[in-house]
C-alpha atoms as a PDB file:
ATOM      1  CA  MET A   1     112.083 214.379  37.082  1.00  0.00           C
ATOM      2  CA  ALA A   2     111.870 213.082  40.773  1.00  0.00           C
ATOM      3  CA  ARG A   3     114.340 210.798  41.623  1.00  0.00           C
ATOM      4  CA  ARG A   4     112.867 207.353  42.800  1.00  0.00           C
ATOM      5  CA  PHE A   5     113.473 206.591  46.961  1.00  0.00           C
ATOM      6  CA  PRO A   6     116.666 205.012  46.883  1.00  0.00           C
ATOM      7  CA  LEU A   7     115.723 202.544  49.972  1.00  0.00           C
ATOM      8  CA  ALA A   8     112.531 201.634  48.020  1.00  0.00           C
ATOM      9  CA  GLY A   9     113.959 198.138  48.147  1.00  0.00           C
ATOM     10  CA  LEU A  10     114.613 197.932  51.386  1.00  0.00           C
ATOM     11  CA  LEU A  11     111.368 199.357  52.408  1.00  0.00           C
ATOM     12  CA  ARG A  12     109.125 196.894  50.164  1.00  0.00           C
ATOM     13  CA  LEU A  13     111.861 193.819  52.390  1.00  0.00           C
ATOM     14  CA  ARG A  14     110.447 195.733  55.446  1.00  0.00           C
ATOM     15  CA  HIS A  15     106.790 195.325  54.503  1.00  0.00           C
ATOM     16  CA  ALA A  16     106.913 191.701  53.436  1.00  0.00           C
ATOM     17  CA  GLU A  17     108.898 191.192  56.966  1.00  0.00           C
ATOM     18  CA  GLN A  18     105.890 192.711  58.549  1.00  0.00           C
ATOM     19  CA  ASP A  19     103.461 191.046  56.507  1.00  0.00           C
ATOM     20  CA  ARG A  20     105.243 187.601  57.639  1.00  0.00           C
ATOM     21  CA  ALA A  21     105.212 188.764  61.143  1.00  0.00           C
ATOM     22  CA  ALA A  22     101.464 189.833  61.067  1.00  0.00           C
ATOM     23  CA  ALA A  23     100.726 186.066  59.349  1.00  0.00           C
ATOM     24  CA  ALA A  24     102.688 184.573  62.419  1.00  0.00           C
ATOM     25  CA  LEU A  25     101.023 187.094  65.103  1.00  0.00           C
ATOM     26  CA  ALA A  26      97.519 185.659  63.649  1.00  0.00           C
ATOM     27  CA  THR A  27      98.611 181.943  63.681  1.00  0.00           C
ATOM     28  CA  ALA A  28      99.485 182.378  67.516  1.00  0.00           C
ATOM     29  CA  ASN A  29      96.803 184.129  68.429  1.00  0.00           C
ATOM     30  CA  GLU A  30      94.673 181.157  66.859  1.00  0.00           C
ATOM     31  CA  ARG A  31      96.451 178.618  68.429  1.00  0.00           C
ATOM     32  CA  VAL A  32      95.814 180.229  71.531  1.00  0.00           C
ATOM     33  CA  ARG A  33      92.086 180.737  71.080  1.00  0.00           C
ATOM     34  CA  ASP A  34      91.967 177.028  70.299  1.00  0.00           C
ATOM     35  CA  ALA A  35      93.822 175.876  73.324  1.00  0.00           C
ATOM     36  CA  ALA A  36      91.610 178.128  75.543  1.00  0.00           C
ATOM     37  CA  ASP A  37      88.214 176.600  73.890  1.00  0.00           C
ATOM     38  CA  ALA A  38      89.602 173.294  74.758  1.00  0.00           C
ATOM     39  CA  ARG A  39      90.296 174.424  78.003  1.00  0.00           C
ATOM     40  CA  ILE A  40      86.668 175.717  78.500  1.00  0.00           C
ATOM     41  CA  ALA A  41      85.132 172.733  77.052  1.00  0.00           C
ATOM     42  CA  ALA A  42      87.253 170.539  79.554  1.00  0.00           C
ATOM     43  CA  ARG A  43      86.002 172.615  82.460  1.00  0.00           C
ATOM     44  CA  ARG A  44      82.271 172.045  81.127  1.00  0.00           C
ATOM     45  CA  SER A  45      82.574 168.321  80.976  1.00  0.00           C
ATOM     46  CA  LEU A  46      84.079 168.250  84.719  1.00  0.00           C
ATOM     47  CA  ALA A  47      81.318 170.245  85.932  1.00  0.00           C
ATOM     48  CA  ASP A  48      78.788 168.483  83.587  1.00  0.00           C
ATOM     49  CA  ALA A  49      79.821 164.945  84.915  1.00  0.00           C
ATOM     50  CA  ASP A  50      79.482 166.457  88.543  1.00  0.00           C
ATOM     51  CA  GLY A  51      75.861 165.917  88.727  1.00  0.00           C
ATOM     52  CA  ALA A  52      75.481 163.170  86.110  1.00  0.00           C
ATOM     53  CA  GLN A  53      74.571 159.987  87.545  1.00  0.00           C
ATOM     54  CA  PRO A  54      73.813 158.978  91.485  1.00  0.00           C
ATOM     55  CA  ILE A  55      76.619 157.013  92.932  1.00  0.00           C
ATOM     56  CA  GLN A  56      75.264 153.700  93.785  1.00  0.00           C
ATOM     57  CA  ASP A  57      78.415 151.565  94.684  1.00  0.00           C
ATOM     58  CA  ALA A  58      82.042 151.873  95.201  1.00  0.00           C
ATOM     59  CA  ALA A  59      82.966 150.809  91.994  1.00  0.00           C
ATOM     60  CA  THR A  60      81.235 153.761  90.159  1.00  0.00           C
ATOM     61  CA  LEU A  61      82.484 156.066  93.140  1.00  0.00           C
ATOM     62  CA  SER A  62      86.139 155.011  92.099  1.00  0.00           C
ATOM     63  CA  ALA A  63      85.596 155.200  88.244  1.00  0.00           C
ATOM     64  CA  VAL A  64      84.081 158.930  89.049  1.00  0.00           C
ATOM     65  CA  ALA A  65      87.164 159.776  90.929  1.00  0.00           C
ATOM     66  CA  ALA A  66      89.208 158.337  88.469  1.00  0.00           C
ATOM     67  CA  ALA A  67      87.747 160.391  85.923  1.00  0.00           C
ATOM     68  CA  ARG A  68      87.775 163.704  87.526  1.00  0.00           C
ATOM     69  CA  ALA A  69      91.455 162.920  87.842  1.00  0.00           C
ATOM     70  CA  ALA A  70      92.106 162.456  84.679  1.00  0.00           C
ATOM     71  CA  THR A  71      89.712 165.316  83.975  1.00  0.00           C
ATOM     72  CA  ARG A  72      91.708 167.777  86.070  1.00  0.00           C
ATOM     73  CA  GLY A  73      95.337 166.601  85.250  1.00  0.00           C
ATOM     74  CA  MET A  74      94.232 167.349  81.450  1.00  0.00           C
ATOM     75  CA  LEU A  75      93.092 170.610  82.513  1.00  0.00           C
ATOM     76  CA  GLU A  76      96.415 171.214  83.875  1.00  0.00           C
ATOM     77  CA  GLU A  77      97.924 170.022  80.937  1.00  0.00           C
ATOM     78  CA  LEU A  78      95.840 172.577  78.601  1.00  0.00           C
ATOM     79  CA  ASP A  79      96.501 175.198  81.200  1.00  0.00           C
ATOM     80  CA  ALA A  80     100.190 174.888  80.190  1.00  0.00           C
ATOM     81  CA  VAL A  81      99.614 174.824  76.580  1.00  0.00           C
ATOM     82  CA  VAL A  82      97.672 178.136  77.118  1.00  0.00           C
ATOM     83  CA  ARG A  83     100.663 179.567  78.784  1.00  0.00           C
ATOM     84  CA  SER A  84     102.950 178.317  76.190  1.00  0.00           C
ATOM     85  CA  ARG A  85     100.910 179.343  73.527  1.00  0.00           C
ATOM     86  CA  ARG A  86     100.468 182.855  75.017  1.00  0.00           C
ATOM     87  CA  SER A  87     104.332 183.011  75.666  1.00  0.00           C
ATOM     88  CA  ASP A  88     104.416 182.101  71.733  1.00  0.00           C
ATOM     89  CA  ALA A  89     101.924 184.801  70.925  1.00  0.00           C
ATOM     90  CA  ASP A  90     103.486 187.371  72.858  1.00  0.00           C
ATOM     91  CA  GLN A  91     106.781 186.595  71.338  1.00  0.00           C
ATOM     92  CA  ALA A  92     105.281 187.098  68.080  1.00  0.00           C
ATOM     93  CA  GLN A  93     103.435 190.584  68.765  1.00  0.00           C
ATOM     94  CA  ASP A  94     107.080 191.701  69.907  1.00  0.00           C
ATOM     95  CA  GLU A  95     108.645 190.392  66.476  1.00  0.00           C
ATOM     96  CA  TYR A  96     105.621 192.346  64.629  1.00  0.00           C
ATOM     97  CA  ASN A  97     105.942 195.301  66.775  1.00  0.00           C
ATOM     98  CA  GLY A  98     109.738 195.520  65.771  1.00  0.00           C
ATOM     99  CA  ALA A  99     108.940 194.896  62.138  1.00  0.00           C
ATOM    100  CA  ARG A 100     106.243 197.429  62.166  1.00  0.00           C
ATOM    101  CA  ARG A 101     108.787 200.194  63.543  1.00  0.00           C
ATOM    102  CA  SER A 102     111.429 199.066  61.303  1.00  0.00           C
ATOM    103  CA  ALA A 103     109.016 199.778  58.339  1.00  0.00           C
ATOM    104  CA  LEU A 104     107.668 203.078  60.043  1.00  0.00           C
ATOM    105  CA  GLY A 105     111.181 204.389  60.003  1.00  0.00           C
ATOM    106  CA  LEU A 106     111.484 203.652  56.400  1.00  0.00           C
ATOM    107  CA  GLU A 107     108.321 205.032  55.340  1.00  0.00           C
ATOM    108  CA  LYS A 108     108.892 208.424  57.123  1.00  0.00           C
ATOM    109  CA  LEU A 109     112.437 208.843  55.238  1.00  0.00           C
ATOM    110  CA  GLU A 110     110.308 208.233  52.074  1.00  0.00           C
ATOM    111  CA  VAL A 111     107.523 210.487  53.116  1.00  0.00           C
ATOM    112  CA  GLN A 112     110.563 213.210  53.582  1.00  0.00           C
ATOM    113  CA  HIS A 113     111.938 212.122  50.448  1.00  0.00           C
ATOM    114  CA  VAL A 114     108.814 212.603  48.412  1.00  0.00           C
ATOM    115  CA  GLU A 115     108.670 216.119  50.159  1.00  0.00           C
ATOM    116  CA  GLN A 116     112.031 217.106  49.194  1.00  0.00           C
ATOM    117  CA  GLN A 117     111.805 215.848  45.724  1.00  0.00           C
ATOM    118  CA  THR A 118     108.226 217.626  45.101  1.00  0.00           C
ATOM    119  CA  ALA A 119     110.254 221.074  46.897  1.00  0.00           C
ATOM    120  CA  GLU A 120     113.007 220.806  44.321  1.00  0.00           C
ATOM    121  CA  ASP A 121     110.634 219.977  41.189  1.00  0.00           C
ATOM    122  CA  LEU A 122     108.923 223.371  42.373  1.00  0.00           C
ATOM    123  CA  ARG A 123     112.080 225.498  42.584  1.00  0.00           C
ATOM    124  CA  THR A 124     113.455 224.183  39.368  1.00  0.00           C
ATOM    125  CA  GLU A 125     110.093 224.551  37.599  1.00  0.00           C
ATOM    126  CA  GLN A 126     109.458 228.380  39.223  1.00  0.00           C
ATOM    127  CA  ASN A 127     113.346 228.988  37.819  1.00  0.00           C
ATOM    128  CA  ALA A 128     112.254 227.956  34.425  1.00  0.00           C
ATOM    129  CA  LEU A 129     109.327 230.018  34.515  1.00  0.00           C
ATOM    130  CA  ASP A 130     111.488 233.021  36.291  1.00  0.00           C
ATOM    131  CA  GLU A 131     114.150 232.628  33.185  1.00  0.00           C
ATOM    132  CA  ILE A 132     111.237 232.595  30.763  1.00  0.00           C
ATOM    133  CA  ALA A 133     109.851 235.808  32.133  1.00  0.00           C
ATOM    134  CA  ALA A 134     113.450 237.291  31.988  1.00  0.00           C
ATOM    135  CA  ARG A 135     113.813 236.559  28.589  1.00  0.00           C
ATOM    136  CA  ARG A 136     110.659 237.920  27.093  1.00  0.00           C
ATOM    137  CA  ARG A 137     111.235 241.147  29.266  1.00  0.00           C
ATOM    138  CA  ALA A 138     114.821 241.287  28.071  1.00  0.00           C
ATOM    139  CA  GLU A 139     113.330 240.607  24.368  1.00  0.00           C
ATOM    140  CA  GLY A 140     110.431 243.448  24.713  1.00  0.00           C
ATOM    141  CA  GLY A 141     112.830 245.866  26.037  1.00  0.00           C
ATOM    142  CA  ALA A 142     115.024 245.479  22.934  1.00  0.00           C
ATOM    143  CA  ARG A 143     112.344 245.872  20.479  1.00  0.00           C
END
């Protein structure tokens, strides 16, 4: 009978860590996409406002300039958010890669263990068959 992989508990723990890191990576990537979408929407809003209405007086010009300045400020803030979230996503990717490496190392050990146990089981079975065959020859030769 094959022995159970002695590091099976640790392998399950590594898989759980890998799953948790994958979930964190997916969340971080979603946040990056959301920030990028908000940035694109703000850029479109700025582009749409450029030719929206003809400017007829100083008050309108001043309001348009203030709106453009506010939008540009918002774009700069969104750029900073995108950079921050990209950094978080890169960190999450690194954590996932590390968790995956740890799990892969144990998975390889488990494969080696299974191969060794299979070979040992085959040797044991072959020895039993050889013993049975030798016993039959000894019993058959004595008659």
